Amino acid sequence: MSIFLLLVLITEAVLLFLLEKKMWNTGYTPLNFLMIPYGAVLGITLLFSGRWGLDEFYYPSLIPWIIGLPLFAMPGWLFFLAERRFAARKTNRKKPGKNFCDMSENDRPDFKRKSYRYETGLAIAVLIALSVRLIILLAQGRGMIGNE
């Protein structure tokens, strides 16, 4: 069972990495910044566990990572699908030529019209929710923040 959990996590991490690379055409995504350092720490931990008086590695601790990595990846997938949907709407807009500078003024896409109302509203809502939670924690005086 222990090796099975490790193999599931490694397979999942490799597949998620390849999917992120294919979707965003880069390796610099939040999911990869979460998976790769954890993979390094996990490798070092597995290398030294059970030696020099250290405890054996507790393999069921991989289960939250196995469940959590796809959950962490889902917002990125949703943003990718939304970006694809909005890009499909703009098919009637003239596409820029090979050299943007050689285009006439009327053929250039209007970058000033792009509105980020939805993204701005979502960011403000998240900031308000986090601020309210911080104020509630400070008002309760249950100790230092982060001890939950």
C-alpha atoms as a PDB file:
ATOM      1  CA  MET A   1       0.000   0.000   0.000  1.00  0.00           C
ATOM      2  CA  SER A   2       2.818   2.426   0.842  1.00  0.00           C
ATOM      3  CA  ILE A   3       4.559   2.084  -2.522  1.00  0.00           C
ATOM      4  CA  PHE A   4       1.190   2.309  -4.263  1.00  0.00           C
ATOM      5  CA  LEU A   5       0.464   5.702  -2.660  1.00  0.00           C
ATOM      6  CA  LEU A   6       3.895   6.956  -3.638  1.00  0.00           C
ATOM      7  CA  LEU A   7       3.466   5.769  -7.239  1.00  0.00           C
ATOM      8  CA  VAL A   8       0.013   7.367  -7.456  1.00  0.00           C
ATOM      9  CA  LEU A   9       1.426  10.684  -6.247  1.00  0.00           C
ATOM     10  CA  ILE A  10       4.378  10.575  -8.641  1.00  0.00           C
ATOM     11  CA  THR A  11       2.152   9.646 -11.594  1.00  0.00           C
ATOM     12  CA  GLU A  12      -0.336  12.349 -10.710  1.00  0.00           C
ATOM     13  CA  ALA A  13       2.389  14.979 -10.361  1.00  0.00           C
ATOM     14  CA  VAL A  14       3.937  14.080 -13.720  1.00  0.00           C
ATOM     15  CA  LEU A  15       0.556  14.129 -15.495  1.00  0.00           C
ATOM     16  CA  LEU A  16      -0.422  17.431 -13.891  1.00  0.00           C
ATOM     17  CA  PHE A  17       2.942  18.945 -14.809  1.00  0.00           C
ATOM     18  CA  LEU A  18       2.551  17.871 -18.451  1.00  0.00           C
ATOM     19  CA  LEU A  19      -1.028  19.158 -18.538  1.00  0.00           C
ATOM     20  CA  GLU A  20      -0.023  22.542 -17.123  1.00  0.00           C
ATOM     21  CA  LYS A  21       2.865  22.743 -19.595  1.00  0.00           C
ATOM     22  CA  LYS A  22       0.516  21.990 -22.493  1.00  0.00           C
ATOM     23  CA  MET A  23      -2.178  24.429 -21.327  1.00  0.00           C
ATOM     24  CA  TRP A  24      -0.033  27.437 -20.479  1.00  0.00           C
ATOM     25  CA  ASN A  25       3.087  26.750 -22.606  1.00  0.00           C
ATOM     26  CA  THR A  26       5.303  27.339 -19.586  1.00  0.00           C
ATOM     27  CA  GLY A  27       6.541  25.485 -16.555  1.00  0.00           C
ATOM     28  CA  TYR A  28       6.098  28.498 -14.296  1.00  0.00           C
ATOM     29  CA  THR A  29       2.632  27.901 -12.871  1.00  0.00           C
ATOM     30  CA  PRO A  30       1.451  27.959  -9.249  1.00  0.00           C
ATOM     31  CA  LEU A  31       0.758  24.233  -9.338  1.00  0.00           C
ATOM     32  CA  ASN A  32       4.312  23.484 -10.411  1.00  0.00           C
ATOM     33  CA  PHE A  33       5.694  25.826  -7.755  1.00  0.00           C
ATOM     34  CA  LEU A  34       3.768  23.713  -5.247  1.00  0.00           C
ATOM     35  CA  MET A  35       4.552  20.246  -6.632  1.00  0.00           C
ATOM     36  CA  ILE A  36       8.235  20.476  -7.469  1.00  0.00           C
ATOM     37  CA  PRO A  37       9.544  21.692  -4.070  1.00  0.00           C
ATOM     38  CA  TYR A  38       7.300  19.199  -2.287  1.00  0.00           C
ATOM     39  CA  GLY A  39       8.657  16.457  -4.537  1.00  0.00           C
ATOM     40  CA  ALA A  40      12.202  17.429  -3.601  1.00  0.00           C
ATOM     41  CA  VAL A  41      11.396  17.492   0.118  1.00  0.00           C
ATOM     42  CA  LEU A  42       9.560  14.175  -0.208  1.00  0.00           C
ATOM     43  CA  GLY A  43      12.533  12.610  -1.988  1.00  0.00           C
ATOM     44  CA  ILE A  44      14.971  13.767   0.685  1.00  0.00           C
ATOM     45  CA  THR A  45      12.601  12.571   3.413  1.00  0.00           C
ATOM     46  CA  LEU A  46      12.239   9.139   1.825  1.00  0.00           C
ATOM     47  CA  LEU A  47      15.997   8.923   1.371  1.00  0.00           C
ATOM     48  CA  PHE A  48      16.754   9.533   5.043  1.00  0.00           C
ATOM     49  CA  SER A  49      13.685   8.036   6.761  1.00  0.00           C
ATOM     50  CA  GLY A  50      14.457   5.059   8.950  1.00  0.00           C
ATOM     51  CA  ARG A  51      18.175   5.832   9.067  1.00  0.00           C
ATOM     52  CA  TRP A  52      20.316   7.364  11.803  1.00  0.00           C
ATOM     53  CA  GLY A  53      17.551   7.003  14.354  1.00  0.00           C
ATOM     54  CA  LEU A  54      14.944   8.870  12.299  1.00  0.00           C
ATOM     55  CA  ASP A  55      11.362   7.622  12.157  1.00  0.00           C
ATOM     56  CA  GLU A  56       9.985   5.753   9.179  1.00  0.00           C
ATOM     57  CA  PHE A  57       7.994   7.780   6.666  1.00  0.00           C
ATOM     58  CA  TYR A  58       4.233   7.708   7.248  1.00  0.00           C
ATOM     59  CA  TYR A  59       2.914   6.955   3.760  1.00  0.00           C
ATOM     60  CA  PRO A  60      -0.772   7.759   4.461  1.00  0.00           C
ATOM     61  CA  SER A  61       0.369  11.387   4.789  1.00  0.00           C
ATOM     62  CA  LEU A  62       0.524  11.381   0.967  1.00  0.00           C
ATOM     63  CA  ILE A  63      -3.268  11.018   0.678  1.00  0.00           C
ATOM     64  CA  PRO A  64      -4.020  14.741   1.271  1.00  0.00           C
ATOM     65  CA  TRP A  65      -1.509  15.599  -1.465  1.00  0.00           C
ATOM     66  CA  ILE A  66      -3.036  13.056  -3.844  1.00  0.00           C
ATOM     67  CA  ILE A  67      -6.461  14.603  -3.292  1.00  0.00           C
ATOM     68  CA  GLY A  68      -5.277  18.202  -2.977  1.00  0.00           C
ATOM     69  CA  LEU A  69      -3.151  18.579  -6.107  1.00  0.00           C
ATOM     70  CA  PRO A  70      -6.070  18.219  -8.561  1.00  0.00           C
ATOM     71  CA  LEU A  71      -8.181  20.471  -6.344  1.00  0.00           C
ATOM     72  CA  PHE A  72      -5.412  23.085  -6.402  1.00  0.00           C
ATOM     73  CA  ALA A  73      -5.171  22.731 -10.192  1.00  0.00           C
ATOM     74  CA  MET A  74      -8.904  23.223 -10.857  1.00  0.00           C
ATOM     75  CA  PRO A  75      -8.937  27.047 -10.714  1.00  0.00           C
ATOM     76  CA  GLY A  76      -6.136  27.104 -13.289  1.00  0.00           C
ATOM     77  CA  TRP A  77      -8.152  24.799 -15.517  1.00  0.00           C
ATOM     78  CA  LEU A  78     -11.212  27.031 -15.132  1.00  0.00           C
ATOM     79  CA  PHE A  79      -9.181  30.117 -16.044  1.00  0.00           C
ATOM     80  CA  PHE A  80      -7.811  28.271 -19.068  1.00  0.00           C
ATOM     81  CA  LEU A  81     -11.299  27.287 -20.229  1.00  0.00           C
ATOM     82  CA  ALA A  82     -12.590  30.830 -19.687  1.00  0.00           C
ATOM     83  CA  GLU A  83      -9.653  32.264 -21.626  1.00  0.00           C
ATOM     84  CA  ARG A  84     -10.331  29.855 -24.488  1.00  0.00           C
ATOM     85  CA  ARG A  85     -14.024  30.769 -24.470  1.00  0.00           C
ATOM     86  CA  PHE A  86     -13.355  34.488 -24.599  1.00  0.00           C
ATOM     87  CA  ALA A  87     -10.694  34.008 -27.272  1.00  0.00           C
ATOM     88  CA  ALA A  88     -13.218  32.112 -29.401  1.00  0.00           C
ATOM     89  CA  ARG A  89     -15.588  35.100 -29.225  1.00  0.00           C
ATOM     90  CA  LYS A  90     -12.978  37.337 -30.793  1.00  0.00           C
ATOM     91  CA  THR A  91     -12.721  35.344 -34.011  1.00  0.00           C
ATOM     92  CA  ASN A  92     -14.523  38.068 -35.945  1.00  0.00           C
ATOM     93  CA  ARG A  93     -11.821  40.599 -35.005  1.00  0.00           C
ATOM     94  CA  LYS A  94      -9.080  41.103 -37.553  1.00  0.00           C
ATOM     95  CA  LYS A  95      -5.955  39.190 -36.728  1.00  0.00           C
ATOM     96  CA  PRO A  96      -2.661  41.085 -36.639  1.00  0.00           C
ATOM     97  CA  GLY A  97      -0.215  40.465 -39.462  1.00  0.00           C
ATOM     98  CA  LYS A  98       3.322  39.246 -39.122  1.00  0.00           C
ATOM     99  CA  ASN A  99       4.610  42.658 -38.147  1.00  0.00           C
ATOM    100  CA  PHE A 100       2.415  44.679 -35.803  1.00  0.00           C
ATOM    101  CA  CYS A 101       4.189  47.936 -36.646  1.00  0.00           C
ATOM    102  CA  ASP A 102       3.428  47.626 -40.364  1.00  0.00           C
ATOM    103  CA  MET A 103      -0.325  47.474 -39.784  1.00  0.00           C
ATOM    104  CA  SER A 104      -2.502  50.471 -40.455  1.00  0.00           C
ATOM    105  CA  GLU A 105      -4.065  52.251 -37.505  1.00  0.00           C
ATOM    106  CA  ASN A 106      -7.512  50.805 -38.270  1.00  0.00           C
ATOM    107  CA  ASP A 107      -6.282  47.201 -38.428  1.00  0.00           C
ATOM    108  CA  ARG A 108      -4.547  47.212 -35.053  1.00  0.00           C
ATOM    109  CA  PRO A 109      -6.467  45.593 -32.192  1.00  0.00           C
ATOM    110  CA  ASP A 110      -7.661  48.033 -29.550  1.00  0.00           C
ATOM    111  CA  PHE A 111      -5.966  46.969 -26.335  1.00  0.00           C
ATOM    112  CA  LYS A 112      -7.433  49.878 -24.360  1.00  0.00           C
ATOM    113  CA  ARG A 113     -10.966  48.487 -24.570  1.00  0.00           C
ATOM    114  CA  LYS A 114     -10.225  45.349 -22.571  1.00  0.00           C
ATOM    115  CA  SER A 115     -12.085  45.418 -19.299  1.00  0.00           C
ATOM    116  CA  TYR A 116     -11.139  43.457 -16.226  1.00  0.00           C
ATOM    117  CA  ARG A 117     -14.361  44.094 -14.281  1.00  0.00           C
ATOM    118  CA  TYR A 118     -14.984  40.427 -13.426  1.00  0.00           C
ATOM    119  CA  GLU A 119     -11.406  39.765 -12.327  1.00  0.00           C
ATOM    120  CA  THR A 120     -11.243  43.002 -10.347  1.00  0.00           C
ATOM    121  CA  GLY A 121     -14.545  42.271  -8.609  1.00  0.00           C
ATOM    122  CA  LEU A 122     -13.436  38.746  -7.735  1.00  0.00           C
ATOM    123  CA  ALA A 123     -10.108  39.988  -6.347  1.00  0.00           C
ATOM    124  CA  ILE A 124     -11.848  42.627  -4.227  1.00  0.00           C
ATOM    125  CA  ALA A 125     -14.333  40.046  -2.889  1.00  0.00           C
ATOM    126  CA  VAL A 126     -11.503  37.702  -1.896  1.00  0.00           C
ATOM    127  CA  LEU A 127      -9.592  40.529  -0.209  1.00  0.00           C
ATOM    128  CA  ILE A 128     -12.692  41.576   1.745  1.00  0.00           C
ATOM    129  CA  ALA A 129     -13.363  37.984   2.858  1.00  0.00           C
ATOM    130  CA  LEU A 130      -9.761  37.499   3.996  1.00  0.00           C
ATOM    131  CA  SER A 131      -9.745  40.847   5.785  1.00  0.00           C
ATOM    132  CA  VAL A 132     -12.962  40.026   7.651  1.00  0.00           C
ATOM    133  CA  ARG A 133     -11.527  36.653   8.681  1.00  0.00           C
ATOM    134  CA  LEU A 134      -8.326  38.319   9.932  1.00  0.00           C
ATOM    135  CA  ILE A 135     -10.295  40.893  11.932  1.00  0.00           C
ATOM    136  CA  ILE A 136     -12.421  38.143  13.516  1.00  0.00           C
ATOM    137  CA  LEU A 137      -9.313  36.159  14.482  1.00  0.00           C
ATOM    138  CA  LEU A 138      -7.667  39.219  16.002  1.00  0.00           C
ATOM    139  CA  ALA A 139     -10.842  40.156  17.903  1.00  0.00           C
ATOM    140  CA  GLN A 140     -11.183  36.683  19.416  1.00  0.00           C
ATOM    141  CA  GLY A 141      -7.655  36.857  20.813  1.00  0.00           C
ATOM    142  CA  ARG A 142      -7.110  33.103  20.618  1.00  0.00           C
ATOM    143  CA  GLY A 143      -3.370  33.412  20.279  1.00  0.00           C
ATOM    144  CA  MET A 144      -1.084  33.877  17.359  1.00  0.00           C
ATOM    145  CA  ILE A 145      -2.375  33.733  13.806  1.00  0.00           C
ATOM    146  CA  GLY A 146      -1.543  30.502  12.054  1.00  0.00           C
ATOM    147  CA  ASN A 147      -1.915  28.171  15.004  1.00  0.00           C
ATOM    148  CA  GLU A 148      -5.132  26.606  13.704  1.00  0.00           C
END
